[in-house]
PDB file of N, CA and C in Angstrom:
ATOM      1  N   MET A   1      19.411  10.099  -4.487  1.00  0.00           N
ATOM      2  CA  MET A   1      18.089   9.941  -4.137  1.00  0.00           C
ATOM      3  C   MET A   1      17.054  10.957  -4.105  1.00  0.00           C
ATOM      4  N   ASN A   2      16.125  10.454  -5.396  1.00  0.00           N
ATOM      5  CA  ASN A   2      15.150  11.693  -5.020  1.00  0.00           C
ATOM      6  C   ASN A   2      13.381  11.369  -4.474  1.00  0.00           C
ATOM      7  N   LEU A   3      12.728  12.201  -4.712  1.00  0.00           N
ATOM      8  CA  LEU A   3      11.282  11.298  -3.925  1.00  0.00           C
ATOM      9  C   LEU A   3      10.909  10.514  -4.405  1.00  0.00           C
ATOM     10  N   ASN A   4      10.881  10.083  -5.650  1.00  0.00           N
ATOM     11  CA  ASN A   4      10.458   8.846  -5.528  1.00  0.00           C
ATOM     12  C   ASN A   4      10.883   7.493  -5.580  1.00  0.00           C
ATOM     13  N   VAL A   5      12.173   7.264  -5.124  1.00  0.00           N
ATOM     14  CA  VAL A   5      12.835   6.357  -4.386  1.00  0.00           C
ATOM     15  C   VAL A   5      12.552   6.161  -3.127  1.00  0.00           C
ATOM     16  N   LEU A   6      13.026   7.301  -2.495  1.00  0.00           N
ATOM     17  CA  LEU A   6      12.926   7.127  -0.796  1.00  0.00           C
ATOM     18  C   LEU A   6      11.339   6.897  -0.432  1.00  0.00           C
ATOM     19  N   VAL A   7      10.138   7.042  -1.712  1.00  0.00           N
ATOM     20  CA  VAL A   7       9.252   6.889  -1.376  1.00  0.00           C
ATOM     21  C   VAL A   7       8.658   5.879  -1.050  1.00  0.00           C
ATOM     22  N   PHE A   8       9.279   5.065  -2.873  1.00  0.00           N
ATOM     23  CA  PHE A   8       9.752   3.442  -3.381  1.00  0.00           C
ATOM     24  C   PHE A   8      10.024   2.303  -1.924  1.00  0.00           C
ATOM     25  N   LEU A   9      10.690   2.526  -0.788  1.00  0.00           N
ATOM     26  CA  LEU A   9      11.458   2.482  -0.593  1.00  0.00           C
ATOM     27  C   LEU A   9      11.190   2.253   1.158  1.00  0.00           C
ATOM     28  N   VAL A  10      10.271   3.054   1.387  1.00  0.00           N
ATOM     29  CA  VAL A  10       9.388   2.962   2.757  1.00  0.00           C
ATOM     30  C   VAL A  10       8.065   2.484   2.687  1.00  0.00           C
ATOM     31  N   GLY A  11       8.007   2.409   1.065  1.00  0.00           N
ATOM     32  CA  GLY A  11       6.026   1.365   1.003  1.00  0.00           C
ATOM     33  C   GLY A  11       7.154   0.122   0.702  1.00  0.00           C
ATOM     34  N   LEU A  12       8.027  -0.284   0.534  1.00  0.00           N
ATOM     35  CA  LEU A  12       8.347  -1.622  -0.025  1.00  0.00           C
ATOM     36  C   LEU A  12       9.307  -1.799   1.532  1.00  0.00           C
ATOM     37  N   TYR A  13       9.660  -1.381   2.031  1.00  0.00           N
ATOM     38  CA  TYR A  13      10.111  -1.949   3.348  1.00  0.00           C
ATOM     39  C   TYR A  13       9.573  -1.389   4.679  1.00  0.00           C
ATOM     40  N   VAL A  14       9.839   0.057   5.061  1.00  0.00           N
ATOM     41  CA  VAL A  14       8.786   0.535   6.211  1.00  0.00           C
ATOM     42  C   VAL A  14       7.196  -0.010   6.790  1.00  0.00           C
ATOM     43  N   VAL A  15       6.372   0.625   5.258  1.00  0.00           N
ATOM     44  CA  VAL A  15       4.770  -0.435   5.091  1.00  0.00           C
ATOM     45  C   VAL A  15       5.154  -1.799   6.261  1.00  0.00           C
ATOM     46  N   PRO A  16       5.803  -2.703   5.312  1.00  0.00           N
ATOM     47  CA  PRO A  16       5.443  -3.879   5.895  1.00  0.00           C
ATOM     48  C   PRO A  16       6.106  -4.358   7.171  1.00  0.00           C
ATOM     49  N   LEU A  17       7.292  -3.936   8.251  1.00  0.00           N
ATOM     50  CA  LEU A  17       7.423  -3.900   9.139  1.00  0.00           C
ATOM     51  C   LEU A  17       6.494  -3.313   9.650  1.00  0.00           C
ATOM     52  N   LEU A  18       5.872  -2.551   9.677  1.00  0.00           N
ATOM     53  CA  LEU A  18       4.877  -1.422  10.240  1.00  0.00           C
ATOM     54  C   LEU A  18       3.160  -1.869  10.655  1.00  0.00           C
ATOM     55  N   LEU A  19       3.037  -3.369   9.536  1.00  0.00           N
ATOM     56  CA  LEU A  19       1.973  -3.980   9.680  1.00  0.00           C
ATOM     57  C   LEU A  19       2.279  -5.056  10.702  1.00  0.00           C
ATOM     58  N   LEU A  20       3.633  -5.593  10.271  1.00  0.00           N
ATOM     59  CA  LEU A  20       3.868  -6.976  11.128  1.00  0.00           C
ATOM     60  C   LEU A  20       3.874  -6.272  12.094  1.00  0.00           C
ATOM     61  N   TRP A  21       4.435  -5.194  13.125  1.00  0.00           N
ATOM     62  CA  TRP A  21       4.050  -4.880  14.262  1.00  0.00           C
ATOM     63  C   TRP A  21       2.705  -4.527  14.316  1.00  0.00           C
ATOM     64  N   VAL A  22       1.971  -3.816  13.954  1.00  0.00           N
ATOM     65  CA  VAL A  22       0.640  -3.717  14.497  1.00  0.00           C
ATOM     66  C   VAL A  22       0.017  -5.123  14.158  1.00  0.00           C
ATOM     67  N   GLY A  23       0.780  -5.867  13.219  1.00  0.00           N
ATOM     68  CA  GLY A  23       0.012  -7.546  12.959  1.00  0.00           C
ATOM     69  C   GLY A  23       0.447  -8.064  14.500  1.00  0.00           C
ATOM     70  N   HIS A  24       1.102  -8.116  15.810  1.00  0.00           N
ATOM     71  CA  HIS A  24       1.589  -8.757  16.435  1.00  0.00           C
ATOM     72  C   HIS A  24       0.160  -8.050  17.655  1.00  0.00           C
ATOM     73  N   HIS A  25      -0.112  -6.368  17.757  1.00  0.00           N
ATOM     74  CA  HIS A  25      -0.750  -6.816  18.146  1.00  0.00           C
ATOM     75  C   HIS A  25      -2.554  -6.191  18.059  1.00  0.00           C
ATOM     76  N   VAL A  26      -2.922  -6.882  17.595  1.00  0.00           N
ATOM     77  CA  VAL A  26      -4.449  -6.978  16.408  1.00  0.00           C
ATOM     78  C   VAL A  26      -5.771  -7.073  17.334  1.00  0.00           C
ATOM     79  N   ARG A  27      -4.847  -8.151  17.870  1.00  0.00           N
ATOM     80  CA  ARG A  27      -5.993  -8.708  18.695  1.00  0.00           C
ATOM     81  C   ARG A  27      -6.211  -7.588  20.116  1.00  0.00           C
ATOM     82  N   ARG A  28      -5.362  -7.598  20.949  1.00  0.00           N
ATOM     83  CA  ARG A  28      -5.987  -6.725  21.994  1.00  0.00           C
ATOM     84  C   ARG A  28      -6.623  -5.468  21.143  1.00  0.00           C
ATOM     85  N   GLY A  29      -6.676  -5.364  19.764  1.00  0.00           N
ATOM     86  CA  GLY A  29      -7.283  -3.911  19.835  1.00  0.00           C
ATOM     87  C   GLY A  29      -8.497  -4.276  19.872  1.00  0.00           C
ATOM     88  N   SER A  30      -8.786  -2.831  19.017  1.00  0.00           N
ATOM     89  CA  SER A  30     -10.662  -2.826  18.875  1.00  0.00           C
ATOM     90  C   SER A  30     -11.092  -3.496  17.224  1.00  0.00           C
ATOM     91  N   ALA A  31     -12.179  -3.432  17.600  1.00  0.00           N
ATOM     92  CA  ALA A  31     -12.307  -4.166  15.868  1.00  0.00           C
ATOM     93  C   ALA A  31     -12.327  -3.053  14.823  1.00  0.00           C
ATOM     94  N   ALA A  32     -12.407  -2.103  14.874  1.00  0.00           N
ATOM     95  CA  ALA A  32     -12.026  -0.588  13.565  1.00  0.00           C
ATOM     96  C   ALA A  32     -10.106  -1.030  14.030  1.00  0.00           C
ATOM     97  N   ARG A  33      -9.658  -1.064  14.381  1.00  0.00           N
ATOM     98  CA  ARG A  33      -7.821  -1.255  14.140  1.00  0.00           C
ATOM     99  C   ARG A  33      -7.580  -2.855  13.738  1.00  0.00           C
ATOM    100  N   ARG A  34      -9.175  -4.013  13.941  1.00  0.00           N
ATOM    101  CA  ARG A  34      -8.458  -4.625  13.253  1.00  0.00           C
ATOM    102  C   ARG A  34      -8.757  -4.857  12.017  1.00  0.00           C
ATOM    103  N   ARG A  35      -9.953  -3.908  11.561  1.00  0.00           N
ATOM    104  CA  ARG A  35      -9.906  -3.947   9.882  1.00  0.00           C
ATOM    105  C   ARG A  35      -9.513  -3.115   9.156  1.00  0.00           C
ATOM    106  N   MET A  36      -8.634  -1.327  10.226  1.00  0.00           N
ATOM    107  CA  MET A  36      -7.849  -1.107   9.518  1.00  0.00           C
ATOM    108  C   MET A  36      -6.236  -1.736   9.327  1.00  0.00           C
ATOM    109  N   PHE A  37      -6.290  -2.807  10.033  1.00  0.00           N
ATOM    110  CA  PHE A  37      -4.759  -3.284   9.841  1.00  0.00           C
ATOM    111  C   PHE A  37      -5.332  -4.297   8.461  1.00  0.00           C
ATOM    112  N   TRP A  38      -6.280  -5.102   8.283  1.00  0.00           N
ATOM    113  CA  TRP A  38      -6.176  -6.123   7.057  1.00  0.00           C
ATOM    114  C   TRP A  38      -6.572  -5.054   5.806  1.00  0.00           C
ATOM    115  N   GLY A  39      -7.269  -4.055   6.256  1.00  0.00           N
ATOM    116  CA  GLY A  39      -7.272  -2.755   5.128  1.00  0.00           C
ATOM    117  C   GLY A  39      -6.140  -2.465   4.466  1.00  0.00           C
ATOM    118  N   ALA A  40      -5.099  -1.963   4.935  1.00  0.00           N
ATOM    119  CA  ALA A  40      -3.657  -2.031   4.678  1.00  0.00           C
ATOM    120  C   ALA A  40      -2.992  -2.967   4.059  1.00  0.00           C
ATOM    121  N   VAL A  41      -2.656  -4.313   4.740  1.00  0.00           N
ATOM    122  CA  VAL A  41      -2.515  -5.324   4.521  1.00  0.00           C
ATOM    123  C   VAL A  41      -3.127  -5.793   2.455  1.00  0.00           C
ATOM    124  N   VAL A  42      -4.621  -5.435   2.843  1.00  0.00           N
ATOM    125  CA  VAL A  42      -5.272  -5.348   1.017  1.00  0.00           C
ATOM    126  C   VAL A  42      -4.403  -4.961   0.424  1.00  0.00           C
ATOM    127  N   GLY A  43      -4.664  -3.717   0.531  1.00  0.00           N
ATOM    128  CA  GLY A  43      -4.135  -2.028   0.083  1.00  0.00           C
ATOM    129  C   GLY A  43      -2.522  -2.658  -0.191  1.00  0.00           C
ATOM    130  N   HIS A  44      -1.472  -3.213   1.004  1.00  0.00           N
ATOM    131  CA  HIS A  44      -0.079  -3.289   0.080  1.00  0.00           C
ATOM    132  C   HIS A  44       0.165  -4.441  -1.161  1.00  0.00           C
ATOM    133  N   CYS A  45      -0.583  -5.991  -0.994  1.00  0.00           N
ATOM    134  CA  CYS A  45      -1.004  -6.200  -1.566  1.00  0.00           C
ATOM    135  C   CYS A  45      -0.827  -5.984  -2.825  1.00  0.00           C
ATOM    136  N   ILE A  46      -2.258  -4.804  -2.957  1.00  0.00           N
ATOM    137  CA  ILE A  46      -2.455  -5.185  -4.104  1.00  0.00           C
ATOM    138  C   ILE A  46      -1.834  -3.744  -4.847  1.00  0.00           C
ATOM    139  N   ALA A  47      -1.214  -3.152  -4.157  1.00  0.00           N
ATOM    140  CA  ALA A  47       0.020  -2.044  -4.720  1.00  0.00           C
ATOM    141  C   ALA A  47       1.612  -3.203  -5.224  1.00  0.00           C
ATOM    142  N   GLY A  48       1.946  -4.413  -4.413  1.00  0.00           N
ATOM    143  CA  GLY A  48       2.670  -4.826  -4.910  1.00  0.00           C
ATOM    144  C   GLY A  48       2.920  -5.825  -5.974  1.00  0.00           C
ATOM    145  N   VAL A  49       1.690  -5.572  -6.094  1.00  0.00           N
ATOM    146  CA  VAL A  49       0.729  -6.185  -7.646  1.00  0.00           C
ATOM    147  C   VAL A  49       0.735  -5.639  -8.741  1.00  0.00           C
ATOM    148  N   LEU A  50       0.304  -4.223  -7.944  1.00  0.00           N
ATOM    149  CA  LEU A  50       0.772  -3.386  -9.582  1.00  0.00           C
ATOM    150  C   LEU A  50       2.228  -2.540  -9.554  1.00  0.00           C
ATOM    151  N   ALA A  51       2.936  -2.560  -9.063  1.00  0.00           N
ATOM    152  CA  ALA A  51       3.656  -2.000  -9.276  1.00  0.00           C
ATOM    153  C   ALA A  51       5.191  -3.800  -9.886  1.00  0.00           C
ATOM    154  N   LEU A  52       4.373  -4.415  -9.275  1.00  0.00           N
ATOM    155  CA  LEU A  52       5.433  -5.547 -10.649  1.00  0.00           C
ATOM    156  C   LEU A  52       5.163  -5.201 -11.388  1.00  0.00           C
ATOM    157  N   THR A  53       3.842  -5.036 -11.797  1.00  0.00           N
ATOM    158  CA  THR A  53       3.201  -5.328 -13.641  1.00  0.00           C
ATOM    159  C   THR A  53       4.104  -3.821 -13.648  1.00  0.00           C
ATOM    160  N   ALA A  54       4.169  -2.822 -13.480  1.00  0.00           N
ATOM    161  CA  ALA A  54       5.075  -1.506 -13.760  1.00  0.00           C
ATOM    162  C   ALA A  54       5.811  -2.127 -14.519  1.00  0.00           C
ATOM    163  N   ALA A  55       6.722  -2.621 -13.202  1.00  0.00           N
ATOM    164  CA  ALA A  55       8.419  -2.498 -12.987  1.00  0.00           C
ATOM    165  C   ALA A  55       8.333  -3.744 -14.879  1.00  0.00           C
ATOM    166  N   LEU A  56       7.453  -4.687 -14.355  1.00  0.00           N
ATOM    167  CA  LEU A  56       7.559  -5.706 -15.433  1.00  0.00           C
ATOM    168  C   LEU A  56       7.427  -5.035 -17.770  1.00  0.00           C
ATOM    169  N   MET A  57       6.657  -3.946 -17.569  1.00  0.00           N
ATOM    170  CA  MET A  57       6.199  -3.560 -18.561  1.00  0.00           C
ATOM    171  C   MET A  57       7.131  -3.181 -19.158  1.00  0.00           C
ATOM    172  N   GLN A  58       6.935  -3.684 -20.817  1.00  0.00           N
ATOM    173  CA  GLN A  58       8.181  -3.290 -21.774  1.00  0.00           C
ATOM    174  C   GLN A  58       8.140  -1.635 -21.819  1.00  0.00           C
ATOM    175  N   ALA A  59       9.733  -1.093 -22.550  1.00  0.00           N
ATOM    176  CA  ALA A  59      10.014   0.300 -22.250  1.00  0.00           C
ATOM    177  C   ALA A  59       9.161   0.753 -23.279  1.00  0.00           C
ATOM    178  N   GLU A  60       8.717   0.233 -24.200  1.00  0.00           N
ATOM    179  CA  GLU A  60       8.124   0.930 -25.559  1.00  0.00           C
ATOM    180  C   GLU A  60       7.061   1.134 -25.213  1.00  0.00           C
ATOM    181  N   MET A  61       6.396   0.632 -24.334  1.00  0.00           N
ATOM    182  CA  MET A  61       5.475   1.051 -23.480  1.00  0.00           C
ATOM    183  C   MET A  61       4.348   2.340 -23.410  1.00  0.00           C
ATOM    184  N   TRP A  62       5.611   2.613 -22.376  1.00  0.00           N
ATOM    185  CA  TRP A  62       5.612   3.902 -21.840  1.00  0.00           C
ATOM    186  C   TRP A  62       6.328   5.034 -22.653  1.00  0.00           C
ATOM    187  N   SER A  63       5.900   6.344 -22.020  1.00  0.00           N
ATOM    188  CA  SER A  63       6.429   7.182 -23.058  1.00  0.00           C
ATOM    189  C   SER A  63       7.227   8.243 -22.029  1.00  0.00           C
ATOM    190  N   GLY A  64       8.083   9.309 -22.600  1.00  0.00           N
ATOM    191  CA  GLY A  64       8.936  10.274 -21.131  1.00  0.00           C
ATOM    192  C   GLY A  64       8.103  11.086 -20.139  1.00  0.00           C
ATOM    193  N   ASP A  65       6.620  11.226 -20.472  1.00  0.00           N
ATOM    194  CA  ASP A  65       6.343  11.927 -19.507  1.00  0.00           C
ATOM    195  C   ASP A  65       5.463  11.271 -19.420  1.00  0.00           C
ATOM    196  N   ASP A  66       5.624   9.873 -19.320  1.00  0.00           N
ATOM    197  CA  ASP A  66       4.475   9.614 -18.805  1.00  0.00           C
ATOM    198  C   ASP A  66       4.265   8.927 -16.810  1.00  0.00           C
ATOM    199  N   ALA A  67       3.510  10.018 -16.226  1.00  0.00           N
ATOM    200  CA  ALA A  67       3.467   9.875 -15.004  1.00  0.00           C
ATOM    201  C   ALA A  67       2.704   8.780 -14.095  1.00  0.00           C
ATOM    202  N   MET A  68       1.524   7.376 -15.118  1.00  0.00           N
ATOM    203  CA  MET A  68       1.416   6.612 -14.275  1.00  0.00           C
ATOM    204  C   MET A  68       2.239   5.506 -13.834  1.00  0.00           C
ATOM    205  N   ARG A  69       3.853   5.938 -14.626  1.00  0.00           N
ATOM    206  CA  ARG A  69       3.962   4.126 -14.212  1.00  0.00           C
ATOM    207  C   ARG A  69       4.751   4.345 -13.306  1.00  0.00           C
ATOM    208  N   GLY A  70       5.135   5.831 -12.727  1.00  0.00           N
ATOM    209  CA  GLY A  70       5.545   6.742 -11.195  1.00  0.00           C
ATOM    210  C   GLY A  70       5.004   6.500 -10.035  1.00  0.00           C
ATOM    211  N   VAL A  71       3.424   6.293 -10.730  1.00  0.00           N
ATOM    212  CA  VAL A  71       2.594   6.704  -9.682  1.00  0.00           C
ATOM    213  C   VAL A  71       2.268   4.910  -8.863  1.00  0.00           C
ATOM    214  N   LEU A  72       2.467   3.665 -10.383  1.00  0.00           N
ATOM    215  CA  LEU A  72       2.407   2.995  -9.907  1.00  0.00           C
ATOM    216  C   LEU A  72       3.429   1.975  -9.648  1.00  0.00           C
ATOM    217  N   GLY A  73       4.556   2.313 -10.040  1.00  0.00           N
ATOM    218  CA  GLY A  73       5.769   1.900  -9.306  1.00  0.00           C
ATOM    219  C   GLY A  73       6.129   2.180  -8.354  1.00  0.00           C
ATOM    220  N   PHE A  74       6.233   3.797  -8.059  1.00  0.00           N
ATOM    221  CA  PHE A  74       7.042   4.276  -7.071  1.00  0.00           C
ATOM    222  C   PHE A  74       5.775   4.821  -5.507  1.00  0.00           C
ATOM    223  N   TRP A  75       4.577   5.099  -6.411  1.00  0.00           N
ATOM    224  CA  TRP A  75       3.812   5.995  -4.628  1.00  0.00           C
ATOM    225  C   TRP A  75       2.663   5.254  -4.214  1.00  0.00           C
ATOM    226  N   ALA A  76       2.330   3.700  -5.256  1.00  0.00           N
ATOM    227  CA  ALA A  76       0.875   2.838  -4.915  1.00  0.00           C
ATOM    228  C   ALA A  76       1.691   2.002  -3.383  1.00  0.00           C
ATOM    229  N   MET A  77       3.155   2.017  -3.751  1.00  0.00           N
ATOM    230  CA  MET A  77       3.437   0.852  -2.349  1.00  0.00           C
ATOM    231  C   MET A  77       3.269   1.570  -0.920  1.00  0.00           C
ATOM    232  N   LEU A  78       3.069   2.921  -1.008  1.00  0.00           N
ATOM    233  CA  LEU A  78       2.702   3.604   0.355  1.00  0.00           C
ATOM    234  C   LEU A  78       1.595   4.253   0.362  1.00  0.00           C
ATOM    235  N   ALA A  79       0.979   4.595  -0.794  1.00  0.00           N
ATOM    236  CA  ALA A  79      -0.196   5.376  -0.830  1.00  0.00           C
ATOM    237  C   ALA A  79      -1.765   4.159  -0.562  1.00  0.00           C
ATOM    238  N   LEU A  80      -1.311   3.304  -0.889  1.00  0.00           N
ATOM    239  CA  LEU A  80      -2.588   1.841  -0.972  1.00  0.00           C
ATOM    240  C   LEU A  80      -2.688   1.613   0.163  1.00  0.00           C
ATOM    241  N   PRO A  81      -2.006   0.780   0.476  1.00  0.00           N
ATOM    242  CA  PRO A  81      -1.527   0.876   2.314  1.00  0.00           C
ATOM    243  C   PRO A  81      -2.445   1.816   2.715  1.00  0.00           C
ATOM    244  N   VAL A  82      -1.919   3.032   3.148  1.00  0.00           N
ATOM    245  CA  VAL A  82      -3.252   4.245   3.736  1.00  0.00           C
ATOM    246  C   VAL A  82      -4.237   3.992   3.405  1.00  0.00           C
ATOM    247  N   ILE A  83      -5.017   4.579   1.827  1.00  0.00           N
ATOM    248  CA  ILE A  83      -6.182   4.349   1.447  1.00  0.00           C
ATOM    249  C   ILE A  83      -6.538   3.112   2.222  1.00  0.00           C
ATOM    250  N   GLY A  84      -6.404   2.329   2.067  1.00  0.00           N
ATOM    251  CA  GLY A  84      -6.562   0.570   2.121  1.00  0.00           C
ATOM    252  C   GLY A  84      -7.166   0.476   3.479  1.00  0.00           C
ATOM    253  N   ALA A  85      -6.355   1.136   4.465  1.00  0.00           N
ATOM    254  CA  ALA A  85      -6.728   1.745   6.663  1.00  0.00           C
ATOM    255  C   ALA A  85      -7.903   2.245   6.336  1.00  0.00           C
ATOM    256  N   LEU A  86      -8.083   3.283   5.514  1.00  0.00           N
ATOM    257  CA  LEU A  86      -8.962   4.637   5.622  1.00  0.00           C
ATOM    258  C   LEU A  86     -10.282   4.165   5.285  1.00  0.00           C
ATOM    259  N   ILE A  87     -10.089   3.370   4.124  1.00  0.00           N
ATOM    260  CA  ILE A  87     -11.503   2.803   3.647  1.00  0.00           C
ATOM    261  C   ILE A  87     -12.151   2.210   4.538  1.00  0.00           C
ATOM    262  N   ALA A  88     -11.395   0.943   5.067  1.00  0.00           N
ATOM    263  CA  ALA A  88     -11.425   0.345   5.940  1.00  0.00           C
ATOM    264  C   ALA A  88     -11.750   0.752   7.317  1.00  0.00           C
ATOM    265  N   GLY A  89     -11.482   1.861   7.807  1.00  0.00           N
ATOM    266  CA  GLY A  89     -11.419   2.201   9.139  1.00  0.00           C
ATOM    267  C   GLY A  89     -12.980   3.239   8.868  1.00  0.00           C
ATOM    268  N   LEU A  90     -12.683   3.769   8.042  1.00  0.00           N
ATOM    269  CA  LEU A  90     -14.454   4.576   7.848  1.00  0.00           C
ATOM    270  C   LEU A  90     -15.821   3.463   7.432  1.00  0.00           C
ATOM    271  N   ARG A  91     -15.585   2.559   6.968  1.00  0.00           N
ATOM    272  CA  ARG A  91     -16.584   1.612   6.688  1.00  0.00           C
ATOM    273  C   ARG A  91     -16.914   0.832   8.400  1.00  0.00           C
ATOM    274  N   GLY A  92     -18.105   1.095   8.381  1.00  0.00           N
ATOM    275  CA  GLY A  92     -18.739   0.505   9.920  1.00  0.00           C
ATOM    276  C   GLY A  92     -18.705  -1.109  10.045  1.00  0.00           C
ATOM    277  N   SER A  93     -18.667  -1.847  10.919  1.00  0.00           N
ATOM    278  CA  SER A  93     -18.969  -2.948  11.381  1.00  0.00           C
ATOM    279  C   SER A  93     -20.427  -3.783  11.005  1.00  0.00           C
ATOM    280  N   THR A  94     -19.759  -4.501  10.189  1.00  0.00           N
ATOM    281  CA  THR A  94     -20.946  -5.075   9.034  1.00  0.00           C
ATOM    282  C   THR A  94     -21.820  -6.644  10.410  1.00  0.00           C
ATOM    283  N   ARG A  95     -21.483  -6.731  11.484  1.00  0.00           N
ATOM    284  CA  ARG A  95     -22.338  -7.359  12.736  1.00  0.00           C
ATOM    285  C   ARG A  95     -23.133  -6.667  13.137  1.00  0.00           C
ATOM    286  N   ARG A  96     -24.340  -7.427  13.007  1.00  0.00           N
ATOM    287  CA  ARG A  96     -25.667  -6.775  13.937  1.00  0.00           C
ATOM    288  C   ARG A  96     -26.048  -7.272  14.913  1.00  0.00           C
TER     289      ARG A  96
END
């Protein structure tokens, strides 16, 4: 098993389990924790669509040294939830 497959499996199975566990406790958390949770959920949903799109593209559309398919197919499932949580956590509250 290479690193790409390991990252994909962590993004596919571990990230949703962590989101499920954090979502169970999100009501008792702070507003920043709720924002980070929803940012990670949105990031994981977007990553799932991107990974599915990359998986369903025909082989003729990719070259042998194309790194974008690896990024979309393998790394997005782990990276986009983290990026979504960071963006939502850095963004302040919109309530006044």
